[in-house]
Amino acid sequence: MTAIKSIRDLETLYHLLPSKVGSPLSVPSLASDLKVSYNTVQSWLSVLERFFLIFSITPWTTKISRSIQKERKIYLWDVPRIEDPGARLENMVALELWRAVTNWNDLGYGEFSLHFLKNKEKQEIDFLIANGRKPLLLIEAKLSEHQPSPALRKFQSALNVPAVQLIGEDEGFRKLSNDRQTILVAPAYQWLSGLP
């Protein structure tokens, strides 16, 4: 199905990916680490996606000044391979959101997509759900931070959409104000269990 000459290097790439979860992926850095070309790494990442070992999301750029446009974030289907607890939580949230977005599309509810936001000032939001190129919801995943991040407040004000901060702890639901809007802070497992 694919013409891969160096299976060992492909395996090395896959073993490097768990440490890259949660951050925009630098393909040139991976190419340098593996001593292969940029196009080779891109090809290998495509193969890993086609074989359902990873999936990726692209940045949202509409109405975001100085947003990054080329990098993407990758997530693993095999969550236990991720050692960092924060990255593991973000990956689990990504899996549930990916499942929900795919389900809504398959049922014909719209043209949903999953993205992340990051600008050149390194302000980042983990997820944005859009429908037909219109933003619907911002989602941030944190292990234990109960106060919404400054980036979540900023991007919510810029896009004028609802926002949720999911936490790994069981603390109940809370609504916090953000100017004329509110941000919901909720335990990840409870909020995600409400998705179809």
Protein backbone atom coordinates (compact mmCIF):
# COMPACT_ATOMS: atom_id res chain seq x y z
CA MET A 1 0.00 0.00 0.00
CA THR A 2 2.91 2.33 0.59
CA ALA A 3 6.52 2.35 -0.54
CA ILE A 4 8.39 2.68 2.76
CA LYS A 5 12.05 1.83 2.48
CA SER A 6 13.01 2.23 6.12
CA ILE A 7 10.50 0.63 8.48
CA ARG A 8 12.90 1.10 11.40
CA ASP A 9 12.96 4.89 10.89
CA LEU A 10 9.16 4.93 10.62
CA GLU A 11 8.97 3.06 13.94
CA THR A 12 11.38 5.57 15.47
CA LEU A 13 9.13 8.39 14.32
CA TYR A 14 6.10 6.71 15.91
CA HIS A 15 8.00 6.30 19.19
CA LEU A 16 8.88 10.03 19.15
CA LEU A 17 5.27 11.16 18.71
CA PRO A 18 3.92 10.61 22.26
CA SER A 19 6.23 13.37 23.51
CA LYS A 20 4.88 15.71 20.80
CA VAL A 21 1.19 15.42 21.78
CA GLY A 22 -0.34 18.72 22.84
CA SER A 23 2.05 20.98 20.94
CA PRO A 24 2.07 22.05 17.30
CA LEU A 25 4.20 19.53 15.44
CA SER A 26 7.47 20.73 13.92
CA VAL A 27 8.07 18.54 10.88
CA PRO A 28 11.47 20.16 10.13
CA SER A 29 12.61 19.30 13.66
CA LEU A 30 11.50 15.68 13.27
CA ALA A 31 13.21 15.48 9.87
CA SER A 32 16.43 16.77 11.46
CA ASP A 33 16.19 14.28 14.35
CA LEU A 34 15.61 11.35 11.99
CA LYS A 35 18.13 12.55 9.35
CA VAL A 36 15.54 12.31 6.59
CA SER A 37 13.85 14.86 4.34
CA TYR A 38 10.86 17.00 5.24
CA ASN A 39 8.78 15.24 2.55
CA THR A 40 9.68 11.83 3.94
CA VAL A 41 8.40 12.75 7.42
CA GLN A 42 5.23 14.20 5.88
CA SER A 43 4.72 10.96 3.95
CA TRP A 44 5.29 8.81 7.05
CA LEU A 45 2.83 10.90 9.10
CA SER A 46 0.27 10.40 6.33
CA VAL A 47 0.83 6.64 6.50
CA LEU A 48 0.37 6.64 10.29
CA GLU A 49 -2.91 8.53 9.86
CA ARG A 50 -4.19 6.15 7.18
CA PHE A 51 -3.47 3.19 9.46
CA PHE A 52 -5.30 4.86 12.39
CA LEU A 53 -2.26 5.21 14.61
CA ILE A 54 -2.54 9.01 14.80
CA PHE A 55 -4.87 11.80 13.72
CA SER A 56 -4.18 15.48 13.27
CA ILE A 57 -5.99 18.79 13.56
CA THR A 58 -5.19 22.03 11.78
CA PRO A 59 -5.02 25.58 13.16
CA TRP A 60 -8.00 27.93 12.98
CA THR A 61 -7.00 31.20 11.36
CA THR A 62 -10.23 33.10 10.60
CA LYS A 63 -10.56 36.33 12.65
CA ILE A 64 -7.37 35.55 14.60
CA SER A 65 -4.65 38.12 14.10
CA ARG A 66 -1.10 36.81 13.77
CA SER A 67 -2.31 33.19 13.90
CA ILE A 68 -0.02 30.36 12.90
CA GLN A 69 -1.17 28.69 9.70
CA LYS A 70 1.12 25.81 8.76
CA GLU A 71 1.68 23.70 11.86
CA ARG A 72 -0.75 21.04 12.98
CA LYS A 73 -1.22 19.05 16.17
CA ILE A 74 -1.18 15.27 16.27
CA TYR A 75 -2.88 12.91 18.68
CA LEU A 76 -2.54 9.17 19.20
CA TRP A 77 -5.30 6.58 19.17
CA ASP A 78 -3.19 4.60 21.66
CA VAL A 79 -3.50 6.93 24.67
CA PRO A 80 -1.51 4.84 27.23
CA ARG A 81 1.68 5.50 25.23
CA ILE A 82 1.57 9.13 26.45
CA GLU A 83 3.42 9.52 29.76
CA ASP A 84 2.79 13.20 30.57
CA PRO A 85 -0.54 13.47 32.48
CA GLY A 86 -1.47 16.84 30.94
CA ALA A 87 -0.78 15.64 27.41
CA ARG A 88 -2.66 12.39 28.11
CA LEU A 89 -5.74 14.36 29.27
CA GLU A 90 -5.59 16.59 26.19
CA ASN A 91 -5.28 13.52 23.95
CA MET A 92 -8.31 11.86 25.58
CA VAL A 93 -10.35 15.06 25.12
CA ALA A 94 -9.20 15.19 21.47
CA LEU A 95 -10.36 11.60 20.91
CA GLU A 96 -13.83 12.33 22.29
CA LEU A 97 -14.19 15.55 20.31
CA TRP A 98 -12.96 13.83 17.12
CA ARG A 99 -15.51 11.06 17.67
CA ALA A 100 -18.33 13.57 18.21
CA VAL A 101 -17.43 15.71 15.18
CA THR A 102 -17.17 12.63 12.96
CA ASN A 103 -20.50 11.35 14.28
CA TRP A 104 -22.29 14.66 13.60
CA ASN A 105 -20.90 14.72 10.06
CA ASP A 106 -21.89 11.11 9.40
CA LEU A 107 -25.43 11.81 10.62
CA GLY A 108 -25.69 14.81 8.28
CA TYR A 109 -26.00 17.46 11.00
CA GLY A 110 -23.53 19.77 9.29
CA GLU A 111 -19.93 20.16 8.15
CA PHE A 112 -18.16 20.01 11.50
CA SER A 113 -14.42 20.25 11.96
CA LEU A 114 -11.97 20.24 14.85
CA HIS A 115 -9.12 22.76 15.11
CA PHE A 116 -6.79 24.47 17.57
CA LEU A 117 -5.82 28.12 17.93
CA LYS A 118 -2.37 29.58 18.34
CA ASN A 119 -0.94 32.97 17.52
CA LYS A 120 2.62 34.17 17.11
CA GLU A 121 2.60 35.42 20.72
CA LYS A 122 2.37 31.73 21.72
CA GLN A 123 -1.16 32.08 23.09
CA GLU A 124 -2.96 28.81 22.44
CA ILE A 125 -6.33 27.14 22.87
CA ASP A 126 -6.46 23.36 22.63
CA PHE A 127 -9.63 22.97 20.54
CA LEU A 128 -12.17 24.83 18.47
CA ILE A 129 -15.23 23.12 17.01
CA ALA A 130 -16.53 24.73 13.82
CA ASN A 131 -19.49 24.06 11.57
CA GLY A 132 -19.32 25.19 7.95
CA ARG A 133 -16.25 27.36 8.66
CA LYS A 134 -18.04 29.16 11.52
CA PRO A 135 -16.63 28.77 15.03
CA LEU A 136 -19.03 27.18 17.52
CA LEU A 137 -17.13 26.40 20.71
CA LEU A 138 -13.70 26.84 22.32
CA ILE A 139 -12.40 24.06 24.56
CA GLU A 140 -9.34 24.11 26.80
CA ALA A 141 -8.11 20.99 28.68
CA LYS A 142 -6.22 21.46 31.96
CA LEU A 143 -5.29 18.99 34.68
CA SER A 144 -6.28 21.14 37.63
CA GLU A 145 -6.46 24.84 36.76
CA HIS A 146 -9.84 26.16 37.85
CA GLN A 147 -9.37 29.68 36.47
CA PRO A 148 -9.77 30.09 32.71
CA SER A 149 -6.51 30.79 30.95
CA PRO A 150 -5.87 34.34 29.64
CA ALA A 151 -5.71 32.89 26.11
CA LEU A 152 -9.19 31.35 26.49
CA ARG A 153 -10.58 34.71 27.64
CA LYS A 154 -8.86 36.54 24.77
CA PHE A 155 -9.92 34.17 21.99
CA GLN A 156 -13.48 33.95 23.31
CA SER A 157 -13.76 37.74 23.17
CA ALA A 158 -12.29 37.79 19.64
CA LEU A 159 -14.55 35.06 18.24
CA ASN A 160 -17.66 35.70 20.40
CA VAL A 161 -18.44 32.00 20.97
CA PRO A 162 -19.07 29.87 24.08
CA ALA A 163 -16.01 28.49 25.88
CA VAL A 164 -15.36 25.51 28.15
CA GLN A 165 -12.35 24.72 30.30
CA LEU A 166 -12.26 20.98 31.04
CA ILE A 167 -10.30 19.86 34.09
CA GLY A 168 -9.07 16.45 35.13
CA GLU A 169 -10.33 16.82 38.69
CA ASP A 170 -13.85 16.22 39.97
CA GLU A 171 -14.92 19.67 41.17
CA GLY A 172 -18.39 20.16 39.65
CA PHE A 173 -19.56 22.71 37.11
CA ARG A 174 -18.91 26.44 37.51
CA LYS A 175 -19.58 29.45 35.30
CA LEU A 176 -17.13 32.35 35.35
CA SER A 177 -17.67 35.69 33.68
CA ASN A 178 -15.58 37.00 30.81
CA ASP A 179 -16.84 40.52 30.13
CA ARG A 180 -20.31 39.93 28.62
CA GLN A 181 -19.74 36.20 28.13
CA THR A 182 -19.27 33.21 30.42
CA ILE A 183 -16.77 30.37 30.53
CA LEU A 184 -17.89 27.00 31.83
CA VAL A 185 -15.34 25.14 33.99
CA ALA A 186 -16.26 21.47 34.21
CA PRO A 187 -14.79 18.04 34.97
CA ALA A 188 -13.71 16.55 31.66
CA TYR A 189 -15.33 13.15 32.18
CA GLN A 190 -18.74 14.67 33.04
CA TRP A 191 -18.84 17.20 30.20
CA LEU A 192 -17.54 14.74 27.59
CA SER A 193 -20.05 12.09 28.66
CA GLY A 194 -22.81 14.40 27.37
CA LEU A 195 -21.49 14.26 23.80
CA PRO A 196 -23.40 11.98 21.41
